[in-house]
Structures are given as structure tokens and as C-alpha cells.
PDB file of N, CA and C in Angstrom:
ATOM      1  N   UNK A   1     -10.911  -1.720 -36.700  1.00  0.00           N
ATOM      2  CA  UNK A   1     -12.476  -2.031 -36.836  1.00  0.00           C
ATOM      3  C   UNK A   1     -13.304  -1.127 -35.813  1.00  0.00           C
ATOM      4  N   UNK A   2     -14.269  -0.441 -36.113  1.00  0.00           N
ATOM      5  CA  UNK A   2     -15.016   0.216 -35.106  1.00  0.00           C
ATOM      6  C   UNK A   2     -16.011  -0.682 -34.500  1.00  0.00           C
ATOM      7  N   UNK A   3     -16.353  -0.332 -33.289  1.00  0.00           N
ATOM      8  CA  UNK A   3     -17.228  -1.005 -32.428  1.00  0.00           C
ATOM      9  C   UNK A   3     -18.818  -1.303 -33.010  1.00  0.00           C
ATOM     10  N   UNK A   4     -19.332  -2.166 -33.235  1.00  0.00           N
ATOM     11  CA  UNK A   4     -20.650  -1.981 -33.775  1.00  0.00           C
ATOM     12  C   UNK A   4     -21.796  -2.901 -32.848  1.00  0.00           C
ATOM     13  N   UNK A   5     -21.795  -2.394 -31.584  1.00  0.00           N
ATOM     14  CA  UNK A   5     -22.691  -2.896 -30.637  1.00  0.00           C
ATOM     15  C   UNK A   5     -24.016  -2.663 -30.902  1.00  0.00           C
ATOM     16  N   UNK A   6     -24.226  -1.448 -31.570  1.00  0.00           N
ATOM     17  CA  UNK A   6     -25.746  -0.849 -32.140  1.00  0.00           C
ATOM     18  C   UNK A   6     -25.716  -1.230 -33.579  1.00  0.00           C
ATOM     19  N   UNK A   7     -26.718  -1.627 -33.659  1.00  0.00           N
ATOM     20  CA  UNK A   7     -27.125  -1.874 -35.384  1.00  0.00           C
ATOM     21  C   UNK A   7     -26.589  -0.867 -36.207  1.00  0.00           C
ATOM     22  N   UNK A   8     -26.029  -0.996 -37.293  1.00  0.00           N
ATOM     23  CA  UNK A   8     -25.506  -0.154 -38.137  1.00  0.00           C
ATOM     24  C   UNK A   8     -25.666  -0.750 -39.798  1.00  0.00           C
ATOM     25  N   UNK A   9     -26.361   0.195 -40.626  1.00  0.00           N
ATOM     26  CA  UNK A   9     -26.862  -0.111 -41.974  1.00  0.00           C
ATOM     27  C   UNK A   9     -25.543  -0.654 -42.673  1.00  0.00           C
ATOM     28  N   UNK A  10     -25.502  -1.667 -43.663  1.00  0.00           N
ATOM     29  CA  UNK A  10     -24.475  -2.239 -44.445  1.00  0.00           C
ATOM     30  C   UNK A  10     -25.032  -2.706 -45.408  1.00  0.00           C
ATOM     31  N   UNK A  11     -24.064  -2.797 -46.483  1.00  0.00           N
ATOM     32  CA  UNK A  11     -24.270  -3.528 -47.796  1.00  0.00           C
ATOM     33  C   UNK A  11     -24.140  -4.808 -47.680  1.00  0.00           C
ATOM     34  N   UNK A  12     -24.722  -5.646 -48.202  1.00  0.00           N
ATOM     35  CA  UNK A  12     -24.590  -7.237 -48.182  1.00  0.00           C
ATOM     36  C   UNK A  12     -24.431  -7.745 -49.469  1.00  0.00           C
ATOM     37  N   UNK A  13     -23.366  -8.840 -49.998  1.00  0.00           N
ATOM     38  CA  UNK A  13     -23.750  -9.525 -50.871  1.00  0.00           C
ATOM     39  C   UNK A  13     -24.210 -10.899 -50.444  1.00  0.00           C
ATOM     40  N   UNK A  14     -25.452 -11.346 -51.153  1.00  0.00           N
ATOM     41  CA  UNK A  14     -26.176 -12.649 -50.591  1.00  0.00           C
ATOM     42  C   UNK A  14     -26.326 -13.647 -51.954  1.00  0.00           C
ATOM     43  N   UNK A  15     -26.492 -14.970 -51.634  1.00  0.00           N
ATOM     44  CA  UNK A  15     -26.924 -15.668 -52.481  1.00  0.00           C
ATOM     45  C   UNK A  15     -28.215 -16.287 -52.112  1.00  0.00           C
ATOM     46  N   UNK A  16     -29.169 -15.819 -53.129  1.00  0.00           N
ATOM     47  CA  UNK A  16     -30.638 -16.444 -53.032  1.00  0.00           C
ATOM     48  C   UNK A  16     -30.768 -17.824 -53.576  1.00  0.00           C
ATOM     49  N   UNK A  17     -31.864 -18.544 -52.863  1.00  0.00           N
ATOM     50  CA  UNK A  17     -32.081 -19.746 -53.279  1.00  0.00           C
ATOM     51  C   UNK A  17     -30.983 -20.918 -53.152  1.00  0.00           C
ATOM     52  N   UNK A  18     -30.500 -20.783 -51.829  1.00  0.00           N
ATOM     53  CA  UNK A  18     -29.131 -21.775 -51.643  1.00  0.00           C
ATOM     54  C   UNK A  18     -29.743 -22.984 -50.693  1.00  0.00           C
ATOM     55  N   UNK A  19     -29.769 -24.134 -51.401  1.00  0.00           N
ATOM     56  CA  UNK A  19     -30.257 -25.246 -50.845  1.00  0.00           C
ATOM     57  C   UNK A  19     -31.568 -25.143 -49.879  1.00  0.00           C
ATOM     58  N   UNK A  20     -31.367 -25.579 -48.681  1.00  0.00           N
ATOM     59  CA  UNK A  20     -32.648 -25.383 -47.700  1.00  0.00           C
ATOM     60  C   UNK A  20     -32.612 -24.090 -47.082  1.00  0.00           C
ATOM     61  N   UNK A  21     -31.737 -23.049 -47.255  1.00  0.00           N
ATOM     62  CA  UNK A  21     -31.811 -21.807 -46.852  1.00  0.00           C
ATOM     63  C   UNK A  21     -32.075 -20.721 -48.156  1.00  0.00           C
ATOM     64  N   UNK A  22     -33.266 -20.351 -48.208  1.00  0.00           N
ATOM     65  CA  UNK A  22     -33.502 -19.388 -49.290  1.00  0.00           C
ATOM     66  C   UNK A  22     -32.514 -18.133 -49.511  1.00  0.00           C
ATOM     67  N   UNK A  23     -31.920 -17.938 -48.268  1.00  0.00           N
ATOM     68  CA  UNK A  23     -30.950 -16.535 -48.556  1.00  0.00           C
ATOM     69  C   UNK A  23     -29.445 -16.994 -47.754  1.00  0.00           C
ATOM     70  N   UNK A  24     -28.477 -16.652 -48.219  1.00  0.00           N
ATOM     71  CA  UNK A  24     -27.296 -17.005 -47.586  1.00  0.00           C
ATOM     72  C   UNK A  24     -26.163 -15.691 -47.764  1.00  0.00           C
ATOM     73  N   UNK A  25     -26.164 -14.823 -46.683  1.00  0.00           N
ATOM     74  CA  UNK A  25     -25.083 -13.485 -46.859  1.00  0.00           C
ATOM     75  C   UNK A  25     -23.632 -14.153 -47.062  1.00  0.00           C
ATOM     76  N   UNK A  26     -23.153 -13.978 -48.001  1.00  0.00           N
ATOM     77  CA  UNK A  26     -21.693 -13.997 -48.379  1.00  0.00           C
ATOM     78  C   UNK A  26     -20.586 -13.246 -47.902  1.00  0.00           C
ATOM     79  N   UNK A  27     -21.001 -11.765 -47.908  1.00  0.00           N
ATOM     80  CA  UNK A  27     -19.935 -10.712 -47.431  1.00  0.00           C
ATOM     81  C   UNK A  27     -20.844  -9.422 -47.177  1.00  0.00           C
ATOM     82  N   UNK A  28     -20.150  -8.595 -46.310  1.00  0.00           N
ATOM     83  CA  UNK A  28     -20.861  -7.434 -46.028  1.00  0.00           C
ATOM     84  C   UNK A  28     -19.780  -6.332 -46.065  1.00  0.00           C
ATOM     85  N   UNK A  29     -20.280  -5.082 -46.145  1.00  0.00           N
ATOM     86  CA  UNK A  29     -19.118  -3.798 -46.132  1.00  0.00           C
ATOM     87  C   UNK A  29     -20.036  -2.771 -45.624  1.00  0.00           C
ATOM     88  N   UNK A  30     -19.366  -2.225 -44.676  1.00  0.00           N
ATOM     89  CA  UNK A  30     -19.782  -0.988 -43.780  1.00  0.00           C
ATOM     90  C   UNK A  30     -19.579   0.323 -44.482  1.00  0.00           C
ATOM     91  N   UNK A  31     -20.327   1.178 -44.199  1.00  0.00           N
ATOM     92  CA  UNK A  31     -20.066   2.633 -44.747  1.00  0.00           C
ATOM     93  C   UNK A  31     -18.788   3.179 -44.519  1.00  0.00           C
ATOM     94  N   UNK A  32     -18.248   3.701 -45.462  1.00  0.00           N
ATOM     95  CA  UNK A  32     -16.974   4.401 -45.184  1.00  0.00           C
ATOM     96  C   UNK A  32     -15.749   3.107 -45.474  1.00  0.00           C
ATOM     97  N   UNK A  33     -15.915   2.199 -45.636  1.00  0.00           N
ATOM     98  CA  UNK A  33     -14.902   1.131 -45.553  1.00  0.00           C
ATOM     99  C   UNK A  33     -14.889   0.768 -46.779  1.00  0.00           C
ATOM    100  N   UNK A  34     -13.299   0.282 -47.167  1.00  0.00           N
ATOM    101  CA  UNK A  34     -12.946   0.166 -48.414  1.00  0.00           C
ATOM    102  C   UNK A  34     -13.350  -1.249 -49.162  1.00  0.00           C
ATOM    103  N   UNK A  35     -13.086  -2.117 -48.095  1.00  0.00           N
ATOM    104  CA  UNK A  35     -13.078  -3.502 -48.308  1.00  0.00           C
ATOM    105  C   UNK A  35     -14.385  -4.285 -47.875  1.00  0.00           C
ATOM    106  N   UNK A  36     -15.083  -5.348 -48.721  1.00  0.00           N
ATOM    107  CA  UNK A  36     -15.827  -6.116 -47.906  1.00  0.00           C
ATOM    108  C   UNK A  36     -15.246  -7.235 -46.929  1.00  0.00           C
ATOM    109  N   UNK A  37     -15.979  -7.503 -45.940  1.00  0.00           N
ATOM    110  CA  UNK A  37     -15.528  -8.703 -44.923  1.00  0.00           C
ATOM    111  C   UNK A  37     -16.242 -10.066 -45.318  1.00  0.00           C
ATOM    112  N   UNK A  38     -15.620 -11.058 -45.638  1.00  0.00           N
ATOM    113  CA  UNK A  38     -16.243 -12.258 -46.129  1.00  0.00           C
ATOM    114  C   UNK A  38     -16.835 -13.091 -44.864  1.00  0.00           C
ATOM    115  N   UNK A  39     -18.156 -13.559 -45.246  1.00  0.00           N
ATOM    116  CA  UNK A  39     -18.826 -14.528 -44.109  1.00  0.00           C
ATOM    117  C   UNK A  39     -18.181 -15.817 -44.289  1.00  0.00           C
ATOM    118  N   UNK A  40     -17.566 -16.535 -43.192  1.00  0.00           N
ATOM    119  CA  UNK A  40     -16.977 -17.531 -43.179  1.00  0.00           C
ATOM    120  C   UNK A  40     -18.049 -18.830 -42.653  1.00  0.00           C
ATOM    121  N   UNK A  41     -19.027 -18.328 -41.957  1.00  0.00           N
ATOM    122  CA  UNK A  41     -19.791 -19.468 -41.476  1.00  0.00           C
ATOM    123  C   UNK A  41     -21.136 -18.983 -41.085  1.00  0.00           C
ATOM    124  N   UNK A  42     -21.918 -19.453 -41.460  1.00  0.00           N
ATOM    125  CA  UNK A  42     -23.680 -19.475 -41.150  1.00  0.00           C
ATOM    126  C   UNK A  42     -24.060 -20.022 -40.261  1.00  0.00           C
ATOM    127  N   UNK A  43     -24.182 -19.674 -38.903  1.00  0.00           N
ATOM    128  CA  UNK A  43     -24.456 -20.417 -37.758  1.00  0.00           C
ATOM    129  C   UNK A  43     -25.969 -20.735 -37.522  1.00  0.00           C
ATOM    130  N   UNK A  44     -26.876 -19.591 -37.860  1.00  0.00           N
ATOM    131  CA  UNK A  44     -28.271 -19.988 -37.817  1.00  0.00           C
ATOM    132  C   UNK A  44     -29.113 -18.865 -38.450  1.00  0.00           C
ATOM    133  N   UNK A  45     -30.321 -19.260 -38.791  1.00  0.00           N
ATOM    134  CA  UNK A  45     -31.233 -18.247 -39.675  1.00  0.00           C
ATOM    135  C   UNK A  45     -32.495 -18.349 -38.838  1.00  0.00           C
ATOM    136  N   UNK A  46     -33.205 -17.227 -38.802  1.00  0.00           N
ATOM    137  CA  UNK A  46     -34.541 -17.406 -38.149  1.00  0.00           C
ATOM    138  C   UNK A  46     -35.431 -15.780 -38.696  1.00  0.00           C
ATOM    139  N   UNK A  47     -36.886 -16.149 -38.489  1.00  0.00           N
ATOM    140  CA  UNK A  47     -37.733 -14.947 -39.081  1.00  0.00           C
ATOM    141  C   UNK A  47     -38.363 -14.204 -37.878  1.00  0.00           C
ATOM    142  N   UNK A  48     -38.234 -12.802 -37.842  1.00  0.00           N
ATOM    143  CA  UNK A  48     -38.966 -12.347 -36.939  1.00  0.00           C
ATOM    144  C   UNK A  48     -39.872 -11.360 -37.373  1.00  0.00           C
ATOM    145  N   UNK A  49     -41.004 -11.296 -37.152  1.00  0.00           N
ATOM    146  CA  UNK A  49     -42.168 -10.532 -37.621  1.00  0.00           C
ATOM    147  C   UNK A  49     -42.515  -9.143 -36.934  1.00  0.00           C
ATOM    148  N   UNK A  50     -41.987  -8.113 -37.570  1.00  0.00           N
ATOM    149  CA  UNK A  50     -41.939  -6.753 -36.884  1.00  0.00           C
ATOM    150  C   UNK A  50     -43.364  -5.737 -37.681  1.00  0.00           C
ATOM    151  N   UNK A  51     -44.447  -5.745 -37.115  1.00  0.00           N
ATOM    152  CA  UNK A  51     -45.595  -5.067 -37.859  1.00  0.00           C
ATOM    153  C   UNK A  51     -45.927  -5.899 -39.212  1.00  0.00           C
ATOM    154  N   UNK A  52     -45.714  -5.192 -40.150  1.00  0.00           N
ATOM    155  CA  UNK A  52     -45.732  -5.804 -41.383  1.00  0.00           C
ATOM    156  C   UNK A  52     -44.563  -6.436 -42.020  1.00  0.00           C
ATOM    157  N   UNK A  53     -43.411  -6.145 -41.614  1.00  0.00           N
ATOM    158  CA  UNK A  53     -42.261  -6.617 -42.240  1.00  0.00           C
ATOM    159  C   UNK A  53     -41.715  -7.824 -41.500  1.00  0.00           C
ATOM    160  N   UNK A  54     -41.177  -8.531 -42.026  1.00  0.00           N
ATOM    161  CA  UNK A  54     -40.354  -9.935 -41.985  1.00  0.00           C
ATOM    162  C   UNK A  54     -39.031  -9.587 -41.803  1.00  0.00           C
ATOM    163  N   UNK A  55     -38.404  -9.754 -40.504  1.00  0.00           N
ATOM    164  CA  UNK A  55     -36.948  -9.671 -40.520  1.00  0.00           C
ATOM    165  C   UNK A  55     -36.298 -11.104 -40.281  1.00  0.00           C
ATOM    166  N   UNK A  56     -35.577 -11.101 -41.324  1.00  0.00           N
ATOM    167  CA  UNK A  56     -34.666 -12.270 -41.553  1.00  0.00           C
ATOM    168  C   UNK A  56     -33.377 -12.132 -40.937  1.00  0.00           C
ATOM    169  N   UNK A  57     -32.915 -12.817 -39.941  1.00  0.00           N
ATOM    170  CA  UNK A  57     -31.944 -12.573 -39.159  1.00  0.00           C
ATOM    171  C   UNK A  57     -30.896 -14.052 -39.248  1.00  0.00           C
ATOM    172  N   UNK A  58     -29.619 -13.377 -39.424  1.00  0.00           N
ATOM    173  CA  UNK A  58     -28.555 -14.669 -39.858  1.00  0.00           C
ATOM    174  C   UNK A  58     -27.385 -14.341 -38.690  1.00  0.00           C
ATOM    175  N   UNK A  59     -27.214 -15.039 -37.848  1.00  0.00           N
ATOM    176  CA  UNK A  59     -26.015 -15.351 -36.832  1.00  0.00           C
ATOM    177  C   UNK A  59     -25.026 -15.846 -38.008  1.00  0.00           C
ATOM    178  N   UNK A  60     -23.840 -15.045 -38.048  1.00  0.00           N
ATOM    179  CA  UNK A  60     -22.653 -15.577 -38.922  1.00  0.00           C
ATOM    180  C   UNK A  60     -21.343 -15.176 -38.084  1.00  0.00           C
ATOM    181  N   UNK A  61     -20.236 -15.713 -38.812  1.00  0.00           N
ATOM    182  CA  UNK A  61     -19.136 -15.490 -38.312  1.00  0.00           C
ATOM    183  C   UNK A  61     -18.290 -14.843 -39.288  1.00  0.00           C
ATOM    184  N   UNK A  62     -17.420 -13.905 -39.274  1.00  0.00           N
ATOM    185  CA  UNK A  62     -16.655 -13.210 -40.238  1.00  0.00           C
ATOM    186  C   UNK A  62     -15.152 -12.871 -39.276  1.00  0.00           C
ATOM    187  N   UNK A  63     -14.220 -13.140 -39.843  1.00  0.00           N
ATOM    188  CA  UNK A  63     -12.961 -12.693 -39.481  1.00  0.00           C
ATOM    189  C   UNK A  63     -13.111 -13.198 -37.797  1.00  0.00           C
ATOM    190  N   UNK A  64     -13.341 -14.336 -37.646  1.00  0.00           N
ATOM    191  CA  UNK A  64     -13.468 -15.037 -36.358  1.00  0.00           C
ATOM    192  C   UNK A  64     -14.176 -14.168 -35.302  1.00  0.00           C
ATOM    193  N   UNK A  65     -15.176 -13.447 -35.527  1.00  0.00           N
ATOM    194  CA  UNK A  65     -16.215 -12.694 -34.744  1.00  0.00           C
ATOM    195  C   UNK A  65     -17.531 -12.816 -34.996  1.00  0.00           C
ATOM    196  N   UNK A  66     -18.273 -13.321 -34.338  1.00  0.00           N
ATOM    197  CA  UNK A  66     -19.831 -13.381 -34.531  1.00  0.00           C
ATOM    198  C   UNK A  66     -20.461 -12.150 -34.537  1.00  0.00           C
ATOM    199  N   UNK A  67     -21.632 -12.219 -35.755  1.00  0.00           N
ATOM    200  CA  UNK A  67     -22.224 -10.969 -36.025  1.00  0.00           C
ATOM    201  C   UNK A  67     -23.622 -11.704 -35.995  1.00  0.00           C
ATOM    202  N   UNK A  68     -24.571 -10.490 -36.095  1.00  0.00           N
ATOM    203  CA  UNK A  68     -26.014 -10.852 -36.495  1.00  0.00           C
ATOM    204  C   UNK A  68     -26.153  -9.980 -37.595  1.00  0.00           C
ATOM    205  N   UNK A  69     -26.467 -10.338 -38.864  1.00  0.00           N
ATOM    206  CA  UNK A  69     -27.265  -9.713 -39.828  1.00  0.00           C
ATOM    207  C   UNK A  69     -28.917  -9.673 -39.942  1.00  0.00           C
ATOM    208  N   UNK A  70     -29.442  -8.633 -40.051  1.00  0.00           N
ATOM    209  CA  UNK A  70     -30.811  -8.488 -40.112  1.00  0.00           C
ATOM    210  C   UNK A  70     -31.260  -7.901 -41.557  1.00  0.00           C
ATOM    211  N   UNK A  71     -32.201  -8.698 -42.313  1.00  0.00           N
ATOM    212  CA  UNK A  71     -32.540  -8.282 -43.324  1.00  0.00           C
ATOM    213  C   UNK A  71     -33.903  -7.848 -43.080  1.00  0.00           C
ATOM    214  N   UNK A  72     -34.427  -6.430 -43.609  1.00  0.00           N
ATOM    215  CA  UNK A  72     -35.903  -5.947 -43.483  1.00  0.00           C
ATOM    216  C   UNK A  72     -36.587  -6.180 -44.846  1.00  0.00           C
ATOM    217  N   UNK A  73     -37.585  -6.917 -44.869  1.00  0.00           N
ATOM    218  CA  UNK A  73     -38.096  -7.527 -46.107  1.00  0.00           C
ATOM    219  C   UNK A  73     -39.088  -6.378 -46.924  1.00  0.00           C
ATOM    220  N   UNK A  74     -39.490  -5.228 -45.923  1.00  0.00           N
ATOM    221  CA  UNK A  74     -40.061  -4.229 -46.439  1.00  0.00           C
ATOM    222  C   UNK A  74     -39.129  -3.108 -47.023  1.00  0.00           C
ATOM    223  N   UNK A  75     -38.263  -2.672 -46.201  1.00  0.00           N
ATOM    224  CA  UNK A  75     -37.338  -1.522 -46.454  1.00  0.00           C
ATOM    225  C   UNK A  75     -36.167  -2.069 -47.490  1.00  0.00           C
ATOM    226  N   UNK A  76     -35.921  -3.354 -47.564  1.00  0.00           N
ATOM    227  CA  UNK A  76     -35.090  -3.783 -48.266  1.00  0.00           C
ATOM    228  C   UNK A  76     -33.455  -3.270 -47.616  1.00  0.00           C
ATOM    229  N   UNK A  77     -33.426  -3.217 -46.492  1.00  0.00           N
ATOM    230  CA  UNK A  77     -32.159  -3.107 -45.967  1.00  0.00           C
ATOM    231  C   UNK A  77     -31.571  -3.854 -45.046  1.00  0.00           C
ATOM    232  N   UNK A  78     -30.059  -3.770 -44.928  1.00  0.00           N
ATOM    233  CA  UNK A  78     -29.496  -4.928 -44.227  1.00  0.00           C
ATOM    234  C   UNK A  78     -28.886  -4.150 -42.957  1.00  0.00           C
ATOM    235  N   UNK A  79     -28.737  -4.739 -41.717  1.00  0.00           N
ATOM    236  CA  UNK A  79     -28.206  -4.030 -40.466  1.00  0.00           C
ATOM    237  C   UNK A  79     -27.571  -5.067 -39.853  1.00  0.00           C
ATOM    238  N   UNK A  80     -26.425  -4.649 -39.245  1.00  0.00           N
ATOM    239  CA  UNK A  80     -25.522  -5.481 -38.544  1.00  0.00           C
ATOM    240  C   UNK A  80     -25.272  -5.194 -37.027  1.00  0.00           C
ATOM    241  N   UNK A  81     -24.999  -6.187 -36.328  1.00  0.00           N
ATOM    242  CA  UNK A  81     -24.679  -5.720 -34.632  1.00  0.00           C
ATOM    243  C   UNK A  81     -23.495  -7.121 -34.489  1.00  0.00           C
ATOM    244  N   UNK A  82     -22.816  -6.875 -33.465  1.00  0.00           N
ATOM    245  CA  UNK A  82     -21.868  -7.752 -33.155  1.00  0.00           C
ATOM    246  C   UNK A  82     -22.428  -8.559 -31.841  1.00  0.00           C
ATOM    247  N   UNK A  83     -22.551  -9.894 -31.926  1.00  0.00           N
ATOM    248  CA  UNK A  83     -23.263 -10.755 -31.132  1.00  0.00           C
ATOM    249  C   UNK A  83     -22.501 -10.938 -29.875  1.00  0.00           C
TER     250      UNK A  83
END
């Protein structure tokens, strides 16, 4: 597994309209990787506003490692960093 201390764009499978959380990431896949990584725990969600974009931030656990997933509501892109 490569080091992802910097933000890296990823593909995310997410469930929208999930109970009290409007979005829940289920898995992610990095560019060039063959397999998806399953999100096993959702720790915290929050929203940060960056100019005109709302950044939806998810602290998650996958493979016993803590990650931060960010969704940009304008660009419709996901980025990941290791927490």
C-alpha cells in the first residue's frame, strides 16, 4: 500500500440517504489499484465551506487504518488522506 499522506483523488462507492447521515462512503479505490477497499467504520462527518464549494468530510476506518475522505460538491470529486 502506498503512502497517502497527501490528498489523492479516489473513486468512492457511497450510499446516499442513509438514516441521519445523508451520505455514507462504503468503499474506495485508488487509481491504478485493482481492488476496492471496504470502509468498515464511519467515525465522524462534517462540512467545511471552501469558497462556493461545500466540502463533505468523512473520517473513516478501512483495513484498521484511519482515513479522511473529502467530497467536493462543485467538482464532484473525492480525495483521500491518511489521518
